[in-house]
Amino acid sequence: MPSRSISIKEEVYKQLDSYRLKNESFSETIKRLLDSNADILDLAGSWKKISDVEPAVDIVEKVVKKIHEEENDIKLI
């Protein structure tokens, strides 16, 4: 498979490196991160399928809070 060279700032390199899994190449990391955002629309309408949304809302709030806490530990671009 052909490859391309790209230039990124050191700060971006360090951030990308922090997302890499063990034995994962940078290309695999970038692909995984890009693919992870592609499926968000698959969740559209999911709330309608849940009869008692209160426990689900609690879980979502905890997840969002955790994400925000982790984002504060990572220097964003």
PDB file of N, CA and C in Angstrom:
ATOM      1  N   MET A   1       0.847  -1.175   0.000  1.00  0.00           N
ATOM      2  CA  MET A   1       0.000   0.000   0.000  1.00  0.00           C
ATOM      3  C   MET A   1       0.895   1.242   0.000  1.00  0.00           C
ATOM      4  N   PRO A   2       0.608   2.204  -0.859  1.00  0.00           N
ATOM      5  CA  PRO A   2       1.417   3.427  -0.886  1.00  0.00           C
ATOM      6  C   PRO A   2       1.274   4.206   0.421  1.00  0.00           C
ATOM      7  N   SER A   3       2.274   5.002   0.713  1.00  0.00           N
ATOM      8  CA  SER A   3       2.208   5.831   1.920  1.00  0.00           C
ATOM      9  C   SER A   3       2.567   7.265   1.568  1.00  0.00           C
ATOM     10  N   ARG A   4       2.209   8.164   2.471  1.00  0.00           N
ATOM     11  CA  ARG A   4       2.498   9.596   2.319  1.00  0.00           C
ATOM     12  C   ARG A   4       3.172  10.084   3.586  1.00  0.00           C
ATOM     13  N   SER A   5       4.024  11.046   3.424  1.00  0.00           N
ATOM     14  CA  SER A   5       4.650  11.695   4.578  1.00  0.00           C
ATOM     15  C   SER A   5       3.910  12.991   4.860  1.00  0.00           C
ATOM     16  N   ILE A   6       3.669  13.247   6.139  1.00  0.00           N
ATOM     17  CA  ILE A   6       3.025  14.497   6.538  1.00  0.00           C
ATOM     18  C   ILE A   6       3.861  15.141   7.629  1.00  0.00           C
ATOM     19  N   SER A   7       3.688  16.423   7.789  1.00  0.00           N
ATOM     20  CA  SER A   7       4.399  17.161   8.825  1.00  0.00           C
ATOM     21  C   SER A   7       3.389  17.620   9.874  1.00  0.00           C
ATOM     22  N   ILE A   8       3.696  17.333  11.146  1.00  0.00           N
ATOM     23  CA  ILE A   8       2.836  17.793  12.239  1.00  0.00           C
ATOM     24  C   ILE A   8       3.723  18.432  13.305  1.00  0.00           C
ATOM     25  N   LYS A   9       3.141  19.323  14.062  1.00  0.00           N
ATOM     26  CA  LYS A   9       3.877  19.987  15.138  1.00  0.00           C
ATOM     27  C   LYS A   9       4.156  18.983  16.255  1.00  0.00           C
ATOM     28  N   GLU A  10       5.210  19.235  16.999  1.00  0.00           N
ATOM     29  CA  GLU A  10       5.611  18.350  18.096  1.00  0.00           C
ATOM     30  C   GLU A  10       4.472  18.144  19.096  1.00  0.00           C
ATOM     31  N   GLU A  11       3.762  19.193  19.388  1.00  0.00           N
ATOM     32  CA  GLU A  11       2.628  19.129  20.324  1.00  0.00           C
ATOM     33  C   GLU A  11       1.567  18.140  19.824  1.00  0.00           C
ATOM     34  N   VAL A  12       1.278  18.174  18.535  1.00  0.00           N
ATOM     35  CA  VAL A  12       0.287  17.276  17.935  1.00  0.00           C
ATOM     36  C   VAL A  12       0.817  15.846  17.943  1.00  0.00           C
ATOM     37  N   TYR A  13       2.098  15.691  17.654  1.00  0.00           N
ATOM     38  CA  TYR A  13       2.722  14.369  17.684  1.00  0.00           C
ATOM     39  C   TYR A  13       2.576  13.731  19.068  1.00  0.00           C
ATOM     40  N   LYS A  14       2.864  14.500  20.103  1.00  0.00           N
ATOM     41  CA  LYS A  14       2.768  13.980  21.470  1.00  0.00           C
ATOM     42  C   LYS A  14       1.333  13.595  21.815  1.00  0.00           C
ATOM     43  N   GLN A  15       0.393  14.420  21.380  1.00  0.00           N
ATOM     44  CA  GLN A  15      -1.008  14.119  21.657  1.00  0.00           C
ATOM     45  C   GLN A  15      -1.431  12.846  20.925  1.00  0.00           C
ATOM     46  N   LEU A  16      -1.064  12.739  19.659  1.00  0.00           N
ATOM     47  CA  LEU A  16      -1.394  11.545  18.884  1.00  0.00           C
ATOM     48  C   LEU A  16      -0.737  10.317  19.494  1.00  0.00           C
ATOM     49  N   ASP A  17       0.504  10.459  19.911  1.00  0.00           N
ATOM     50  CA  ASP A  17       1.219   9.349  20.533  1.00  0.00           C
ATOM     51  C   ASP A  17       0.521   8.885  21.811  1.00  0.00           C
ATOM     52  N   SER A  18      -0.082   9.812  22.548  1.00  0.00           N
ATOM     53  CA  SER A  18      -0.784   9.444  23.784  1.00  0.00           C
ATOM     54  C   SER A  18      -2.051   8.630  23.506  1.00  0.00           C
ATOM     55  N   TYR A  19      -2.592   8.738  22.290  1.00  0.00           N
ATOM     56  CA  TYR A  19      -3.783   7.981  21.915  1.00  0.00           C
ATOM     57  C   TYR A  19      -3.448   6.603  21.343  1.00  0.00           C
ATOM     58  N   ARG A  20      -2.168   6.378  21.032  1.00  0.00           N
ATOM     59  CA  ARG A  20      -1.780   5.099  20.429  1.00  0.00           C
ATOM     60  C   ARG A  20      -1.932   3.959  21.411  1.00  0.00           C
ATOM     61  N   LEU A  21      -2.442   2.849  20.906  1.00  0.00           N
ATOM     62  CA  LEU A  21      -2.515   1.633  21.698  1.00  0.00           C
ATOM     63  C   LEU A  21      -1.190   0.890  21.567  1.00  0.00           C
ATOM     64  N   LYS A  22      -0.955  -0.040  22.467  1.00  0.00           N
ATOM     65  CA  LYS A  22       0.279  -0.812  22.421  1.00  0.00           C
ATOM     66  C   LYS A  22       0.389  -1.525  21.070  1.00  0.00           C
ATOM     67  N   ASN A  23       1.545  -1.458  20.451  1.00  0.00           N
ATOM     68  CA  ASN A  23       1.829  -2.090  19.153  1.00  0.00           C
ATOM     69  C   ASN A  23       0.993  -1.533  18.006  1.00  0.00           C
ATOM     70  N   GLU A  24       0.471  -0.332  18.137  1.00  0.00           N
ATOM     71  CA  GLU A  24      -0.335   0.282  17.082  1.00  0.00           C
ATOM     72  C   GLU A  24       0.512   1.328  16.352  1.00  0.00           C
ATOM     73  N   SER A  25       0.456   1.310  15.025  1.00  0.00           N
ATOM     74  CA  SER A  25       1.181   2.315  14.245  1.00  0.00           C
ATOM     75  C   SER A  25       0.422   3.640  14.299  1.00  0.00           C
ATOM     76  N   PHE A  26       1.097   4.707  13.905  1.00  0.00           N
ATOM     77  CA  PHE A  26       0.423   6.004  13.862  1.00  0.00           C
ATOM     78  C   PHE A  26      -0.716   5.976  12.840  1.00  0.00           C
ATOM     79  N   SER A  27      -0.507   5.306  11.715  1.00  0.00           N
ATOM     80  CA  SER A  27      -1.570   5.198  10.708  1.00  0.00           C
ATOM     81  C   SER A  27      -2.789   4.487  11.280  1.00  0.00           C
ATOM     82  N   GLU A  28      -2.557   3.412  12.011  1.00  0.00           N
ATOM     83  CA  GLU A  28      -3.664   2.677  12.630  1.00  0.00           C
ATOM     84  C   GLU A  28      -4.375   3.539  13.667  1.00  0.00           C
ATOM     85  N   THR A  29      -3.612   4.310  14.422  1.00  0.00           N
ATOM     86  CA  THR A  29      -4.201   5.196  15.428  1.00  0.00           C
ATOM     87  C   THR A  29      -5.085   6.243  14.778  1.00  0.00           C
ATOM     88  N   ILE A  30      -4.567   6.895  13.745  1.00  0.00           N
ATOM     89  CA  ILE A  30      -5.347   7.925  13.051  1.00  0.00           C
ATOM     90  C   ILE A  30      -6.612   7.322  12.470  1.00  0.00           C
ATOM     91  N   LYS A  31      -6.495   6.158  11.836  1.00  0.00           N
ATOM     92  CA  LYS A  31      -7.669   5.492  11.241  1.00  0.00           C
ATOM     93  C   LYS A  31      -8.699   5.163  12.316  1.00  0.00           C
ATOM     94  N   ARG A  32      -8.237   4.615  13.447  1.00  0.00           N
ATOM     95  CA  ARG A  32      -9.156   4.256  14.535  1.00  0.00           C
ATOM     96  C   ARG A  32      -9.880   5.488  15.065  1.00  0.00           C
ATOM     97  N   LEU A  33      -9.146   6.573  15.265  1.00  0.00           N
ATOM     98  CA  LEU A  33      -9.759   7.798  15.781  1.00  0.00           C
ATOM     99  C   LEU A  33     -10.745   8.398  14.790  1.00  0.00           C
ATOM    100  N   LEU A  34     -10.411   8.377  13.519  1.00  0.00           N
ATOM    101  CA  LEU A  34     -11.331   8.904  12.503  1.00  0.00           C
ATOM    102  C   LEU A  34     -12.575   8.030  12.386  1.00  0.00           C
ATOM    103  N   ASP A  35     -12.391   6.716  12.405  1.00  0.00           N
ATOM    104  CA  ASP A  35     -13.530   5.798  12.298  1.00  0.00           C
ATOM    105  C   ASP A  35     -14.435   5.864  13.517  1.00  0.00           C
ATOM    106  N   SER A  36     -13.870   6.153  14.690  1.00  0.00           N
ATOM    107  CA  SER A  36     -14.674   6.172  15.913  1.00  0.00           C
ATOM    108  C   SER A  36     -15.715   7.281  15.893  1.00  0.00           C
ATOM    109  N   ASN A  37     -15.494   8.338  15.126  1.00  0.00           N
ATOM    110  CA  ASN A  37     -16.448   9.441  15.040  1.00  0.00           C
ATOM    111  C   ASN A  37     -17.460   9.255  13.921  1.00  0.00           C
ATOM    112  N   ALA A  38     -17.251   8.288  13.060  1.00  0.00           N
ATOM    113  CA  ALA A  38     -18.097   8.126  11.881  1.00  0.00           C
ATOM    114  C   ALA A  38     -19.464   7.524  12.207  1.00  0.00           C
ATOM    115  N   ASP A  39     -19.604   6.826  13.330  1.00  0.00           N
ATOM    116  CA  ASP A  39     -20.829   6.093  13.623  1.00  0.00           C
ATOM    117  C   ASP A  39     -21.802   6.837  14.531  1.00  0.00           C
ATOM    118  N   ILE A  40     -21.576   8.080  14.832  1.00  0.00           N
ATOM    119  CA  ILE A  40     -22.426   8.823  15.764  1.00  0.00           C
ATOM    120  C   ILE A  40     -23.867   8.910  15.272  1.00  0.00           C
ATOM    121  N   LEU A  41     -24.072   9.015  13.969  1.00  0.00           N
ATOM    122  CA  LEU A  41     -25.429   9.115  13.433  1.00  0.00           C
ATOM    123  C   LEU A  41     -26.206   7.811  13.588  1.00  0.00           C
ATOM    124  N   ASP A  42     -25.501   6.698  13.774  1.00  0.00           N
ATOM    125  CA  ASP A  42     -26.185   5.423  14.005  1.00  0.00           C
ATOM    126  C   ASP A  42     -26.988   5.451  15.305  1.00  0.00           C
ATOM    127  N   LEU A  43     -26.663   6.360  16.197  1.00  0.00           N
ATOM    128  CA  LEU A  43     -27.358   6.457  17.483  1.00  0.00           C
ATOM    129  C   LEU A  43     -28.625   7.307  17.417  1.00  0.00           C
ATOM    130  N   ALA A  44     -28.844   7.975  16.297  1.00  0.00           N
ATOM    131  CA  ALA A  44     -30.023   8.840  16.155  1.00  0.00           C
ATOM    132  C   ALA A  44     -31.294   8.043  16.412  1.00  0.00           C
ATOM    133  N   GLY A  45     -32.149   8.570  17.272  1.00  0.00           N
ATOM    134  CA  GLY A  45     -33.424   7.925  17.582  1.00  0.00           C
ATOM    135  C   GLY A  45     -33.343   6.855  18.655  1.00  0.00           C
ATOM    136  N   SER A  46     -32.176   6.596  19.182  1.00  0.00           N
ATOM    137  CA  SER A  46     -32.008   5.536  20.180  1.00  0.00           C
ATOM    138  C   SER A  46     -32.799   5.792  21.453  1.00  0.00           C
ATOM    139  N   TRP A  47     -32.938   7.073  21.844  1.00  0.00           N
ATOM    140  CA  TRP A  47     -33.656   7.386  23.076  1.00  0.00           C
ATOM    141  C   TRP A  47     -35.110   6.948  23.001  1.00  0.00           C
ATOM    142  N   LYS A  48     -35.700   6.939  21.823  1.00  0.00           N
ATOM    143  CA  LYS A  48     -37.102   6.535  21.679  1.00  0.00           C
ATOM    144  C   LYS A  48     -37.303   5.068  22.029  1.00  0.00           C
ATOM    145  N   LYS A  49     -36.255   4.268  21.930  1.00  0.00           N
ATOM    146  CA  LYS A  49     -36.350   2.834  22.185  1.00  0.00           C
ATOM    147  C   LYS A  49     -36.246   2.498  23.674  1.00  0.00           C
ATOM    148  N   ILE A  50     -35.896   3.476  24.499  1.00  0.00           N
ATOM    149  CA  ILE A  50     -35.709   3.238  25.930  1.00  0.00           C
ATOM    150  C   ILE A  50     -36.959   3.682  26.677  1.00  0.00           C
ATOM    151  N   SER A  51     -37.594   2.738  27.392  1.00  0.00           N
ATOM    152  CA  SER A  51     -38.840   3.065  28.088  1.00  0.00           C
ATOM    153  C   SER A  51     -38.592   3.916  29.335  1.00  0.00           C
ATOM    154  N   ASP A  52     -37.567   3.599  30.109  1.00  0.00           N
ATOM    155  CA  ASP A  52     -37.236   4.369  31.309  1.00  0.00           C
ATOM    156  C   ASP A  52     -35.882   5.036  31.077  1.00  0.00           C
ATOM    157  N   VAL A  53     -35.925   6.295  30.640  1.00  0.00           N
ATOM    158  CA  VAL A  53     -34.690   6.980  30.245  1.00  0.00           C
ATOM    159  C   VAL A  53     -33.868   7.503  31.416  1.00  0.00           C
ATOM    160  N   GLU A  54     -34.451   7.571  32.594  1.00  0.00           N
ATOM    161  CA  GLU A  54     -33.742   8.163  33.733  1.00  0.00           C
ATOM    162  C   GLU A  54     -32.411   7.467  34.039  1.00  0.00           C
ATOM    163  N   PRO A  55     -32.361   6.134  34.137  1.00  0.00           N
ATOM    164  CA  PRO A  55     -31.055   5.490  34.377  1.00  0.00           C
ATOM    165  C   PRO A  55     -30.067   5.749  33.234  1.00  0.00           C
ATOM    166  N   ALA A  56     -30.576   5.780  32.011  1.00  0.00           N
ATOM    167  CA  ALA A  56     -29.703   6.038  30.861  1.00  0.00           C
ATOM    168  C   ALA A  56     -29.145   7.455  30.911  1.00  0.00           C
ATOM    169  N   VAL A  57     -29.972   8.409  31.306  1.00  0.00           N
ATOM    170  CA  VAL A  57     -29.528   9.802  31.414  1.00  0.00           C
ATOM    171  C   VAL A  57     -28.427   9.909  32.467  1.00  0.00           C
ATOM    172  N   ASP A  58     -28.599   9.219  33.585  1.00  0.00           N
ATOM    173  CA  ASP A  58     -27.575   9.232  34.634  1.00  0.00           C
ATOM    174  C   ASP A  58     -26.240   8.705  34.109  1.00  0.00           C
ATOM    175  N   ILE A  59     -26.299   7.622  33.350  1.00  0.00           N
ATOM    176  CA  ILE A  59     -25.077   7.033  32.793  1.00  0.00           C
ATOM    177  C   ILE A  59     -24.418   7.997  31.812  1.00  0.00           C
ATOM    178  N   VAL A  60     -25.223   8.587  30.937  1.00  0.00           N
ATOM    179  CA  VAL A  60     -24.688   9.532  29.948  1.00  0.00           C
ATOM    180  C   VAL A  60     -24.038  10.722  30.650  1.00  0.00           C
ATOM    181  N   GLU A  61     -24.680  11.236  31.683  1.00  0.00           N
ATOM    182  CA  GLU A  61     -24.110  12.366  32.421  1.00  0.00           C
ATOM    183  C   GLU A  61     -22.762  11.996  33.042  1.00  0.00           C
ATOM    184  N   LYS A  62     -22.657  10.784  33.585  1.00  0.00           N
ATOM    185  CA  LYS A  62     -21.393  10.336  34.172  1.00  0.00           C
ATOM    186  C   LYS A  62     -20.308  10.206  33.106  1.00  0.00           C
ATOM    187  N   VAL A  63     -20.684   9.676  31.948  1.00  0.00           N
ATOM    188  CA  VAL A  63     -19.722   9.517  30.854  1.00  0.00           C
ATOM    189  C   VAL A  63     -19.243  10.877  30.367  1.00  0.00           C
ATOM    190  N   VAL A  64     -20.170  11.811  30.176  1.00  0.00           N
ATOM    191  CA  VAL A  64     -19.807  13.153  29.709  1.00  0.00           C
ATOM    192  C   VAL A  64     -18.893  13.836  30.725  1.00  0.00           C
ATOM    193  N   LYS A  65     -19.211  13.694  32.006  1.00  0.00           N
ATOM    194  CA  LYS A  65     -18.370  14.285  33.048  1.00  0.00           C
ATOM    195  C   LYS A  65     -16.963  13.699  32.997  1.00  0.00           C
ATOM    196  N   LYS A  66     -16.864  12.387  32.825  1.00  0.00           N
ATOM    197  CA  LYS A  66     -15.565  11.714  32.744  1.00  0.00           C
ATOM    198  C   LYS A  66     -14.773  12.206  31.533  1.00  0.00           C
ATOM    199  N   ILE A  67     -15.449  12.361  30.401  1.00  0.00           N
ATOM    200  CA  ILE A  67     -14.789  12.853  29.186  1.00  0.00           C
ATOM    201  C   ILE A  67     -14.239  14.249  29.415  1.00  0.00           C
ATOM    202  N   HIS A  68     -15.045  15.113  30.040  1.00  0.00           N
ATOM    203  CA  HIS A  68     -14.591  16.481  30.304  1.00  0.00           C
ATOM    204  C   HIS A  68     -13.397  16.499  31.261  1.00  0.00           C
ATOM    205  N   GLU A  69     -13.409  15.622  32.251  1.00  0.00           N
ATOM    206  CA  GLU A  69     -12.279  15.539  33.176  1.00  0.00           C
ATOM    207  C   GLU A  69     -11.014  15.116  32.438  1.00  0.00           C
ATOM    208  N   GLU A  70     -11.150  14.131  31.538  1.00  0.00           N
ATOM    209  CA  GLU A  70      -9.994  13.654  30.777  1.00  0.00           C
ATOM    210  C   GLU A  70      -9.508  14.720  29.805  1.00  0.00           C
ATOM    211  N   GLU A  71     -10.436  15.476  29.215  1.00  0.00           N
ATOM    212  CA  GLU A  71     -10.038  16.530  28.280  1.00  0.00           C
ATOM    213  C   GLU A  71      -9.226  17.603  28.986  1.00  0.00           C
ATOM    214  N   ASN A  72      -9.538  17.848  30.249  1.00  0.00           N
ATOM    215  CA  ASN A  72      -8.786  18.845  31.005  1.00  0.00           C
ATOM    216  C   ASN A  72      -7.352  18.389  31.260  1.00  0.00           C
ATOM    217  N   ASP A  73      -7.134  17.069  31.210  1.00  0.00           N
ATOM    218  CA  ASP A  73      -5.792  16.529  31.399  1.00  0.00           C
ATOM    219  C   ASP A  73      -5.000  16.483  30.097  1.00  0.00           C
ATOM    220  N   ILE A  74      -5.671  16.676  28.956  1.00  0.00           N
ATOM    221  CA  ILE A  74      -5.032  16.613  27.642  1.00  0.00           C
ATOM    222  C   ILE A  74      -5.030  18.008  27.043  1.00  0.00           C
ATOM    223  N   LYS A  75      -3.896  18.433  26.567  1.00  0.00           N
ATOM    224  CA  LYS A  75      -3.827  19.732  25.911  1.00  0.00           C
ATOM    225  C   LYS A  75      -4.406  19.580  24.509  1.00  0.00           C
ATOM    226  N   LEU A  76      -5.538  20.231  24.264  1.00  0.00           N
ATOM    227  CA  LEU A  76      -6.194  20.113  22.971  1.00  0.00           C
ATOM    228  C   LEU A  76      -5.559  21.037  21.955  1.00  0.00           C
ATOM    229  N   ILE A  77      -5.715  20.681  20.694  1.00  0.00           N
ATOM    230  CA  ILE A  77      -5.172  21.482  19.585  1.00  0.00           C
ATOM    231  C   ILE A  77      -5.943  22.767  19.477  1.00  0.00           C
TER     232      ILE A  77
END
